[in-house]
Amino acid sequence: MEENSLIRLMSKKDVHQITQHCEGFFGRLKNEFYYHRDWRNISTEEFMKQLNEYIMWYNSKRIKSSLEYKSPKDYRREDYWV
C-alpha cells in the first residue's frame, strides 16, 4: 500500500450507524441519479452541475419515510408552525 501512496482508513469503534446512513444515501444516489443515465458524452462540469441539482432536490424536496412521508422542506415548515 505504501508504494502506491495509499492510506488505509478505518472507522472508530461503534460508528456503524453513521456509515449505515452514508451507505444508504450513496445507494439511493446511484439508483436514482447515476445508473439509469448514459454519462459517456457528459463533461465533468455538466456532471457536477447535475449532481449538485440532485443533492439540492434530495435535501429539500425528496419525500422521506423518516419524515412522516414529507419532504424535508415541508417537514421543517410544519414542525416550525406546530
PDB file of N, CA and C in Angstrom:
ATOM      1  N   MET A   1       0.818  -1.189   0.000  1.00  0.00           N
ATOM      2  CA  MET A   1       0.000   0.000   0.000  1.00  0.00           C
ATOM      3  C   MET A   1       0.862   1.252   0.000  1.00  0.00           C
ATOM      4  N   GLU A   2       1.920   1.251   0.759  1.00  0.00           N
ATOM      5  CA  GLU A   2       2.764   2.438   0.851  1.00  0.00           C
ATOM      6  C   GLU A   2       3.413   2.777  -0.483  1.00  0.00           C
ATOM      7  N   GLU A   3       3.836   1.758  -1.226  1.00  0.00           N
ATOM      8  CA  GLU A   3       4.498   2.028  -2.510  1.00  0.00           C
ATOM      9  C   GLU A   3       3.555   2.663  -3.524  1.00  0.00           C
ATOM     10  N   ASN A   4       2.255   2.498  -3.331  1.00  0.00           N
ATOM     11  CA  ASN A   4       1.262   3.121  -4.208  1.00  0.00           C
ATOM     12  C   ASN A   4       0.642   4.369  -3.591  1.00  0.00           C
ATOM     13  N   SER A   5       1.208   4.838  -2.501  1.00  0.00           N
ATOM     14  CA  SER A   5       0.731   6.030  -1.786  1.00  0.00           C
ATOM     15  C   SER A   5      -0.725   5.908  -1.356  1.00  0.00           C
ATOM     16  N   LEU A   6      -1.126   4.722  -0.925  1.00  0.00           N
ATOM     17  CA  LEU A   6      -2.484   4.500  -0.445  1.00  0.00           C
ATOM     18  C   LEU A   6      -2.503   4.567   1.074  1.00  0.00           C
ATOM     19  N   ILE A   7      -3.597   5.053   1.603  1.00  0.00           N
ATOM     20  CA  ILE A   7      -3.768   5.159   3.048  1.00  0.00           C
ATOM     21  C   ILE A   7      -4.956   4.304   3.448  1.00  0.00           C
ATOM     22  N   ARG A   8      -4.786   3.487   4.458  1.00  0.00           N
ATOM     23  CA  ARG A   8      -5.887   2.668   4.956  1.00  0.00           C
ATOM     24  C   ARG A   8      -6.685   3.492   5.962  1.00  0.00           C
ATOM     25  N   LEU A   9      -7.970   3.584   5.720  1.00  0.00           N
ATOM     26  CA  LEU A   9      -8.849   4.292   6.637  1.00  0.00           C
ATOM     27  C   LEU A   9      -9.713   3.284   7.363  1.00  0.00           C
ATOM     28  N   MET A  10      -9.823   3.466   8.650  1.00  0.00           N
ATOM     29  CA  MET A  10     -10.643   2.560   9.442  1.00  0.00           C
ATOM     30  C   MET A  10     -11.554   3.401  10.316  1.00  0.00           C
ATOM     31  N   SER A  11     -12.777   2.949  10.455  1.00  0.00           N
ATOM     32  CA  SER A  11     -13.747   3.658  11.282  1.00  0.00           C
ATOM     33  C   SER A  11     -13.442   3.443  12.755  1.00  0.00           C
ATOM     34  N   LYS A  12     -13.853   4.405  13.558  1.00  0.00           N
ATOM     35  CA  LYS A  12     -13.757   4.235  15.001  1.00  0.00           C
ATOM     36  C   LYS A  12     -14.754   3.172  15.430  1.00  0.00           C
ATOM     37  N   LYS A  13     -14.530   2.655  16.590  1.00  0.00           N
ATOM     38  CA  LYS A  13     -15.425   1.643  17.129  1.00  0.00           C
ATOM     39  C   LYS A  13     -16.824   2.233  17.333  1.00  0.00           C
ATOM     40  N   ASP A  14     -17.844   1.452  17.007  1.00  0.00           N
ATOM     41  CA  ASP A  14     -19.248   1.819  17.226  1.00  0.00           C
ATOM     42  C   ASP A  14     -19.723   3.023  16.411  1.00  0.00           C
ATOM     43  N   VAL A  15     -19.242   3.173  15.190  1.00  0.00           N
ATOM     44  CA  VAL A  15     -19.762   4.236  14.321  1.00  0.00           C
ATOM     45  C   VAL A  15     -20.547   3.636  13.156  1.00  0.00           C
ATOM     46  N   HIS A  16     -21.035   2.413  13.343  1.00  0.00           N
ATOM     47  CA  HIS A  16     -21.737   1.733  12.259  1.00  0.00           C
ATOM     48  C   HIS A  16     -23.008   2.462  11.844  1.00  0.00           C
ATOM     49  N   GLN A  17     -23.640   3.208  12.743  1.00  0.00           N
ATOM     50  CA  GLN A  17     -24.850   3.941  12.365  1.00  0.00           C
ATOM     51  C   GLN A  17     -24.529   5.046  11.372  1.00  0.00           C
ATOM     52  N   ILE A  18     -23.407   5.713  11.549  1.00  0.00           N
ATOM     53  CA  ILE A  18     -23.004   6.772  10.626  1.00  0.00           C
ATOM     54  C   ILE A  18     -22.719   6.178   9.258  1.00  0.00           C
ATOM     55  N   THR A  19     -21.933   5.115   9.215  1.00  0.00           N
ATOM     56  CA  THR A  19     -21.616   4.515   7.922  1.00  0.00           C
ATOM     57  C   THR A  19     -22.865   3.919   7.290  1.00  0.00           C
ATOM     58  N   GLN A  20     -23.778   3.434   8.088  1.00  0.00           N
ATOM     59  CA  GLN A  20     -25.024   2.879   7.573  1.00  0.00           C
ATOM     60  C   GLN A  20     -25.831   3.964   6.860  1.00  0.00           C
ATOM     61  N   HIS A  21     -25.907   5.150   7.426  1.00  0.00           N
ATOM     62  CA  HIS A  21     -26.622   6.260   6.790  1.00  0.00           C
ATOM     63  C   HIS A  21     -25.917   6.687   5.503  1.00  0.00           C
ATOM     64  N   CYS A  22     -24.595   6.749   5.539  1.00  0.00           N
ATOM     65  CA  CYS A  22     -23.837   7.125   4.339  1.00  0.00           C
ATOM     66  C   CYS A  22     -24.034   6.102   3.232  1.00  0.00           C
ATOM     67  N   GLU A  23     -23.951   4.839   3.570  1.00  0.00           N
ATOM     68  CA  GLU A  23     -24.150   3.791   2.567  1.00  0.00           C
ATOM     69  C   GLU A  23     -25.558   3.843   1.994  1.00  0.00           C
ATOM     70  N   GLY A  24     -26.541   4.126   2.824  1.00  0.00           N
ATOM     71  CA  GLY A  24     -27.914   4.257   2.344  1.00  0.00           C
ATOM     72  C   GLY A  24     -28.057   5.411   1.370  1.00  0.00           C
ATOM     73  N   PHE A  25     -27.467   6.559   1.717  1.00  0.00           N
ATOM     74  CA  PHE A  25     -27.539   7.722   0.831  1.00  0.00           C
ATOM     75  C   PHE A  25     -26.865   7.435  -0.504  1.00  0.00           C
ATOM     76  N   PHE A  26     -25.658   6.889  -0.468  1.00  0.00           N
ATOM     77  CA  PHE A  26     -24.946   6.639  -1.724  1.00  0.00           C
ATOM     78  C   PHE A  26     -25.634   5.567  -2.561  1.00  0.00           C
ATOM     79  N   GLY A  27     -26.284   4.611  -1.928  1.00  0.00           N
ATOM     80  CA  GLY A  27     -27.065   3.626  -2.667  1.00  0.00           C
ATOM     81  C   GLY A  27     -28.232   4.282  -3.387  1.00  0.00           C
ATOM     82  N   ARG A  28     -28.936   5.176  -2.691  1.00  0.00           N
ATOM     83  CA  ARG A  28     -30.048   5.898  -3.328  1.00  0.00           C
ATOM     84  C   ARG A  28     -29.540   6.812  -4.430  1.00  0.00           C
ATOM     85  N   LEU A  29     -28.423   7.485  -4.194  1.00  0.00           N
ATOM     86  CA  LEU A  29     -27.848   8.367  -5.207  1.00  0.00           C
ATOM     87  C   LEU A  29     -27.529   7.585  -6.481  1.00  0.00           C
ATOM     88  N   LYS A  30     -26.910   6.433  -6.336  1.00  0.00           N
ATOM     89  CA  LYS A  30     -26.577   5.626  -7.515  1.00  0.00           C
ATOM     90  C   LYS A  30     -27.833   5.139  -8.222  1.00  0.00           C
ATOM     91  N   ASN A  31     -28.823   4.676  -7.468  1.00  0.00           N
ATOM     92  CA  ASN A  31     -30.047   4.157  -8.086  1.00  0.00           C
ATOM     93  C   ASN A  31     -30.916   5.248  -8.694  1.00  0.00           C
ATOM     94  N   GLU A  32     -31.037   6.376  -8.045  1.00  0.00           N
ATOM     95  CA  GLU A  32     -31.927   7.433  -8.511  1.00  0.00           C
ATOM     96  C   GLU A  32     -31.269   8.375  -9.510  1.00  0.00           C
ATOM     97  N   PHE A  33     -29.965   8.556  -9.403  1.00  0.00           N
ATOM     98  CA  PHE A  33     -29.293   9.571 -10.209  1.00  0.00           C
ATOM     99  C   PHE A  33     -28.339   8.992 -11.250  1.00  0.00           C
ATOM    100  N   TYR A  34     -27.553   8.014 -10.878  1.00  0.00           N
ATOM    101  CA  TYR A  34     -26.429   7.616 -11.723  1.00  0.00           C
ATOM    102  C   TYR A  34     -26.726   6.480 -12.700  1.00  0.00           C
ATOM    103  N   TYR A  35     -27.234   5.369 -12.229  1.00  0.00           N
ATOM    104  CA  TYR A  35     -27.294   4.146 -13.029  1.00  0.00           C
ATOM    105  C   TYR A  35     -28.146   4.239 -14.284  1.00  0.00           C
ATOM    106  N   HIS A  36     -29.234   4.947 -14.276  1.00  0.00           N
ATOM    107  CA  HIS A  36     -30.155   4.935 -15.410  1.00  0.00           C
ATOM    108  C   HIS A  36     -29.812   5.960 -16.495  1.00  0.00           C
ATOM    109  N   ARG A  37     -28.653   6.575 -16.422  1.00  0.00           N
ATOM    110  CA  ARG A  37     -28.272   7.595 -17.402  1.00  0.00           C
ATOM    111  C   ARG A  37     -27.038   7.164 -18.187  1.00  0.00           C
ATOM    112  N   ASP A  38     -26.926   7.692 -19.386  1.00  0.00           N
ATOM    113  CA  ASP A  38     -25.740   7.475 -20.212  1.00  0.00           C
ATOM    114  C   ASP A  38     -24.821   8.682 -20.018  1.00  0.00           C
ATOM    115  N   TRP A  39     -23.718   8.476 -19.330  1.00  0.00           N
ATOM    116  CA  TRP A  39     -22.818   9.566 -18.968  1.00  0.00           C
ATOM    117  C   TRP A  39     -21.650   9.722 -19.940  1.00  0.00           C
ATOM    118  N   ARG A  40     -21.597   8.934 -20.999  1.00  0.00           N
ATOM    119  CA  ARG A  40     -20.422   8.936 -21.877  1.00  0.00           C
ATOM    120  C   ARG A  40     -20.124  10.287 -22.517  1.00  0.00           C
ATOM    121  N   ASN A  41     -21.116  11.047 -22.887  1.00  0.00           N
ATOM    122  CA  ASN A  41     -20.889  12.324 -23.575  1.00  0.00           C
ATOM    123  C   ASN A  41     -21.112  13.532 -22.678  1.00  0.00           C
ATOM    124  N   ILE A  42     -21.073  13.324 -21.385  1.00  0.00           N
ATOM    125  CA  ILE A  42     -21.294  14.407 -20.423  1.00  0.00           C
ATOM    126  C   ILE A  42     -19.944  14.867 -19.872  1.00  0.00           C
ATOM    127  N   SER A  43     -19.720  16.175 -19.905  1.00  0.00           N
ATOM    128  CA  SER A  43     -18.470  16.724 -19.370  1.00  0.00           C
ATOM    129  C   SER A  43     -18.475  16.642 -17.843  1.00  0.00           C
ATOM    130  N   THR A  44     -17.306  16.758 -17.272  1.00  0.00           N
ATOM    131  CA  THR A  44     -17.185  16.754 -15.811  1.00  0.00           C
ATOM    132  C   THR A  44     -17.985  17.902 -15.210  1.00  0.00           C
ATOM    133  N   GLU A  45     -17.909  19.072 -15.845  1.00  0.00           N
ATOM    134  CA  GLU A  45     -18.641  20.234 -15.348  1.00  0.00           C
ATOM    135  C   GLU A  45     -20.150  19.988 -15.366  1.00  0.00           C
ATOM    136  N   GLU A  46     -20.654  19.401 -16.455  1.00  0.00           N
ATOM    137  CA  GLU A  46     -22.085  19.116 -16.553  1.00  0.00           C
ATOM    138  C   GLU A  46     -22.491  18.053 -15.534  1.00  0.00           C
ATOM    139  N   PHE A  47     -21.638  17.039 -15.352  1.00  0.00           N
ATOM    140  CA  PHE A  47     -21.920  16.011 -14.352  1.00  0.00           C
ATOM    141  C   PHE A  47     -22.031  16.640 -12.968  1.00  0.00           C
ATOM    142  N   MET A  48     -21.080  17.504 -12.627  1.00  0.00           N
ATOM    143  CA  MET A  48     -21.088  18.146 -11.310  1.00  0.00           C
ATOM    144  C   MET A  48     -22.321  19.035 -11.144  1.00  0.00           C
ATOM    145  N   LYS A  49     -22.723  19.719 -12.199  1.00  0.00           N
ATOM    146  CA  LYS A  49     -23.927  20.552 -12.149  1.00  0.00           C
ATOM    147  C   LYS A  49     -25.158  19.693 -11.874  1.00  0.00           C
ATOM    148  N   GLN A  50     -25.293  18.589 -12.594  1.00  0.00           N
ATOM    149  CA  GLN A  50     -26.443  17.710 -12.404  1.00  0.00           C
ATOM    150  C   GLN A  50     -26.422  17.043 -11.029  1.00  0.00           C
ATOM    151  N   LEU A  51     -25.238  16.663 -10.574  1.00  0.00           N
ATOM    152  CA  LEU A  51     -25.113  16.070  -9.241  1.00  0.00           C
ATOM    153  C   LEU A  51     -25.530  17.075  -8.170  1.00  0.00           C
ATOM    154  N   ASN A  52     -25.095  18.315  -8.310  1.00  0.00           N
ATOM    155  CA  ASN A  52     -25.480  19.357  -7.358  1.00  0.00           C
ATOM    156  C   ASN A  52     -26.996  19.554  -7.355  1.00  0.00           C
ATOM    157  N   GLU A  53     -27.613  19.553  -8.530  1.00  0.00           N
ATOM    158  CA  GLU A  53     -29.070  19.698  -8.614  1.00  0.00           C
ATOM    159  C   GLU A  53     -29.772  18.527  -7.921  1.00  0.00           C
ATOM    160  N   TYR A  54     -29.251  17.316  -8.112  1.00  0.00           N
ATOM    161  CA  TYR A  54     -29.844  16.151  -7.449  1.00  0.00           C
ATOM    162  C   TYR A  54     -29.742  16.294  -5.930  1.00  0.00           C
ATOM    163  N   ILE A  55     -28.580  16.677  -5.442  1.00  0.00           N
ATOM    164  CA  ILE A  55     -28.384  16.797  -3.992  1.00  0.00           C
ATOM    165  C   ILE A  55     -29.272  17.899  -3.419  1.00  0.00           C
ATOM    166  N   MET A  56     -29.418  19.003  -4.137  1.00  0.00           N
ATOM    167  CA  MET A  56     -30.320  20.069  -3.685  1.00  0.00           C
ATOM    168  C   MET A  56     -31.757  19.550  -3.617  1.00  0.00           C
ATOM    169  N   TRP A  57     -32.181  18.801  -4.639  1.00  0.00           N
ATOM    170  CA  TRP A  57     -33.522  18.209  -4.645  1.00  0.00           C
ATOM    171  C   TRP A  57     -33.665  17.217  -3.493  1.00  0.00           C
ATOM    172  N   TYR A  58     -32.656  16.368  -3.317  1.00  0.00           N
ATOM    173  CA  TYR A  58     -32.688  15.343  -2.268  1.00  0.00           C
ATOM    174  C   TYR A  58     -32.834  15.985  -0.889  1.00  0.00           C
ATOM    175  N   ASN A  59     -32.097  17.057  -0.651  1.00  0.00           N
ATOM    176  CA  ASN A  59     -32.097  17.695   0.665  1.00  0.00           C
ATOM    177  C   ASN A  59     -33.318  18.562   0.941  1.00  0.00           C
ATOM    178  N   SER A  60     -34.071  18.923  -0.102  1.00  0.00           N
ATOM    179  CA  SER A  60     -35.195  19.822   0.155  1.00  0.00           C
ATOM    180  C   SER A  60     -36.555  19.276  -0.271  1.00  0.00           C
ATOM    181  N   LYS A  61     -36.604  18.457  -1.323  1.00  0.00           N
ATOM    182  CA  LYS A  61     -37.902  18.075  -1.879  1.00  0.00           C
ATOM    183  C   LYS A  61     -38.208  16.583  -1.879  1.00  0.00           C
ATOM    184  N   ARG A  62     -37.215  15.738  -1.760  1.00  0.00           N
ATOM    185  CA  ARG A  62     -37.459  14.295  -1.834  1.00  0.00           C
ATOM    186  C   ARG A  62     -38.245  13.837  -0.611  1.00  0.00           C
ATOM    187  N   ILE A  63     -39.333  13.124  -0.839  1.00  0.00           N
ATOM    188  CA  ILE A  63     -40.163  12.615   0.254  1.00  0.00           C
ATOM    189  C   ILE A  63     -39.423  11.480   0.962  1.00  0.00           C
ATOM    190  N   LYS A  64     -39.420  11.531   2.298  1.00  0.00           N
ATOM    191  CA  LYS A  64     -38.695  10.539   3.097  1.00  0.00           C
ATOM    192  C   LYS A  64     -39.634   9.916   4.131  1.00  0.00           C
ATOM    193  N   SER A  65     -39.560   8.613   4.247  1.00  0.00           N
ATOM    194  CA  SER A  65     -40.415   7.923   5.221  1.00  0.00           C
ATOM    195  C   SER A  65     -40.069   8.328   6.649  1.00  0.00           C
ATOM    196  N   SER A  66     -38.801   8.630   6.896  1.00  0.00           N
ATOM    197  CA  SER A  66     -38.385   9.016   8.247  1.00  0.00           C
ATOM    198  C   SER A  66     -38.936  10.380   8.658  1.00  0.00           C
ATOM    199  N   LEU A  67     -39.463  11.138   7.694  1.00  0.00           N
ATOM    200  CA  LEU A  67     -40.054  12.452   7.979  1.00  0.00           C
ATOM    201  C   LEU A  67     -41.568  12.416   7.773  1.00  0.00           C
ATOM    202  N   GLU A  68     -42.156  11.293   8.130  1.00  0.00           N
ATOM    203  CA  GLU A  68     -43.607  11.107   8.014  1.00  0.00           C
ATOM    204  C   GLU A  68     -44.084  11.274   6.571  1.00  0.00           C
ATOM    205  N   TYR A  69     -43.294  10.791   5.633  1.00  0.00           N
ATOM    206  CA  TYR A  69     -43.594  10.842   4.199  1.00  0.00           C
ATOM    207  C   TYR A  69     -43.808  12.269   3.709  1.00  0.00           C
ATOM    208  N   LYS A  70     -42.937  13.147   4.185  1.00  0.00           N
ATOM    209  CA  LYS A  70     -42.929  14.544   3.744  1.00  0.00           C
ATOM    210  C   LYS A  70     -41.535  14.876   3.241  1.00  0.00           C
ATOM    211  N   SER A  71     -41.449  15.953   2.490  1.00  0.00           N
ATOM    212  CA  SER A  71     -40.136  16.441   2.082  1.00  0.00           C
ATOM    213  C   SER A  71     -39.501  17.141   3.285  1.00  0.00           C
ATOM    214  N   PRO A  72     -38.177  17.249   3.316  1.00  0.00           N
ATOM    215  CA  PRO A  72     -37.545  17.960   4.428  1.00  0.00           C
ATOM    216  C   PRO A  72     -38.066  19.393   4.568  1.00  0.00           C
ATOM    217  N   LYS A  73     -38.278  20.042   3.433  1.00  0.00           N
ATOM    218  CA  LYS A  73     -38.779  21.418   3.461  1.00  0.00           C
ATOM    219  C   LYS A  73     -40.165  21.479   4.104  1.00  0.00           C
ATOM    220  N   ASP A  74     -41.073  20.598   3.689  1.00  0.00           N
ATOM    221  CA  ASP A  74     -42.422  20.574   4.262  1.00  0.00           C
ATOM    222  C   ASP A  74     -42.399  20.163   5.729  1.00  0.00           C
ATOM    223  N   TYR A  75     -41.553  19.209   6.059  1.00  0.00           N
ATOM    224  CA  TYR A  75     -41.460  18.741   7.443  1.00  0.00           C
ATOM    225  C   TYR A  75     -40.989  19.864   8.363  1.00  0.00           C
ATOM    226  N   ARG A  76     -39.958  20.593   7.939  1.00  0.00           N
ATOM    227  CA  ARG A  76     -39.452  21.708   8.750  1.00  0.00           C
ATOM    228  C   ARG A  76     -40.504  22.804   8.877  1.00  0.00           C
ATOM    229  N   ARG A  77     -41.172  23.107   7.778  1.00  0.00           N
ATOM    230  CA  ARG A  77     -42.199  24.153   7.792  1.00  0.00           C
ATOM    231  C   ARG A  77     -43.323  23.779   8.757  1.00  0.00           C
ATOM    232  N   GLU A  78     -43.784  22.548   8.677  1.00  0.00           N
ATOM    233  CA  GLU A  78     -44.866  22.094   9.545  1.00  0.00           C
ATOM    234  C   GLU A  78     -44.412  22.051  11.002  1.00  0.00           C
ATOM    235  N   ASP A  79     -43.201  21.576  11.232  1.00  0.00           N
ATOM    236  CA  ASP A  79     -42.661  21.490  12.588  1.00  0.00           C
ATOM    237  C   ASP A  79     -42.511  22.881  13.197  1.00  0.00           C
ATOM    238  N   TYR A  80     -42.153  23.851  12.372  1.00  0.00           N
ATOM    239  CA  TYR A  80     -41.956  25.219  12.847  1.00  0.00           C
ATOM    240  C   TYR A  80     -43.266  25.826  13.334  1.00  0.00           C
ATOM    241  N   TRP A  81     -44.354  25.548  12.634  1.00  0.00           N
ATOM    242  CA  TRP A  81     -45.638  26.165  12.950  1.00  0.00           C
ATOM    243  C   TRP A  81     -46.433  25.412  14.013  1.00  0.00           C
ATOM    244  N   VAL A  82     -45.973  24.238  14.408  1.00  0.00           N
ATOM    245  CA  VAL A  82     -46.718  23.469  15.414  1.00  0.00           C
ATOM    246  C   VAL A  82     -46.449  24.017  16.791  1.00  0.00           C
TER     247      VAL A  82
END
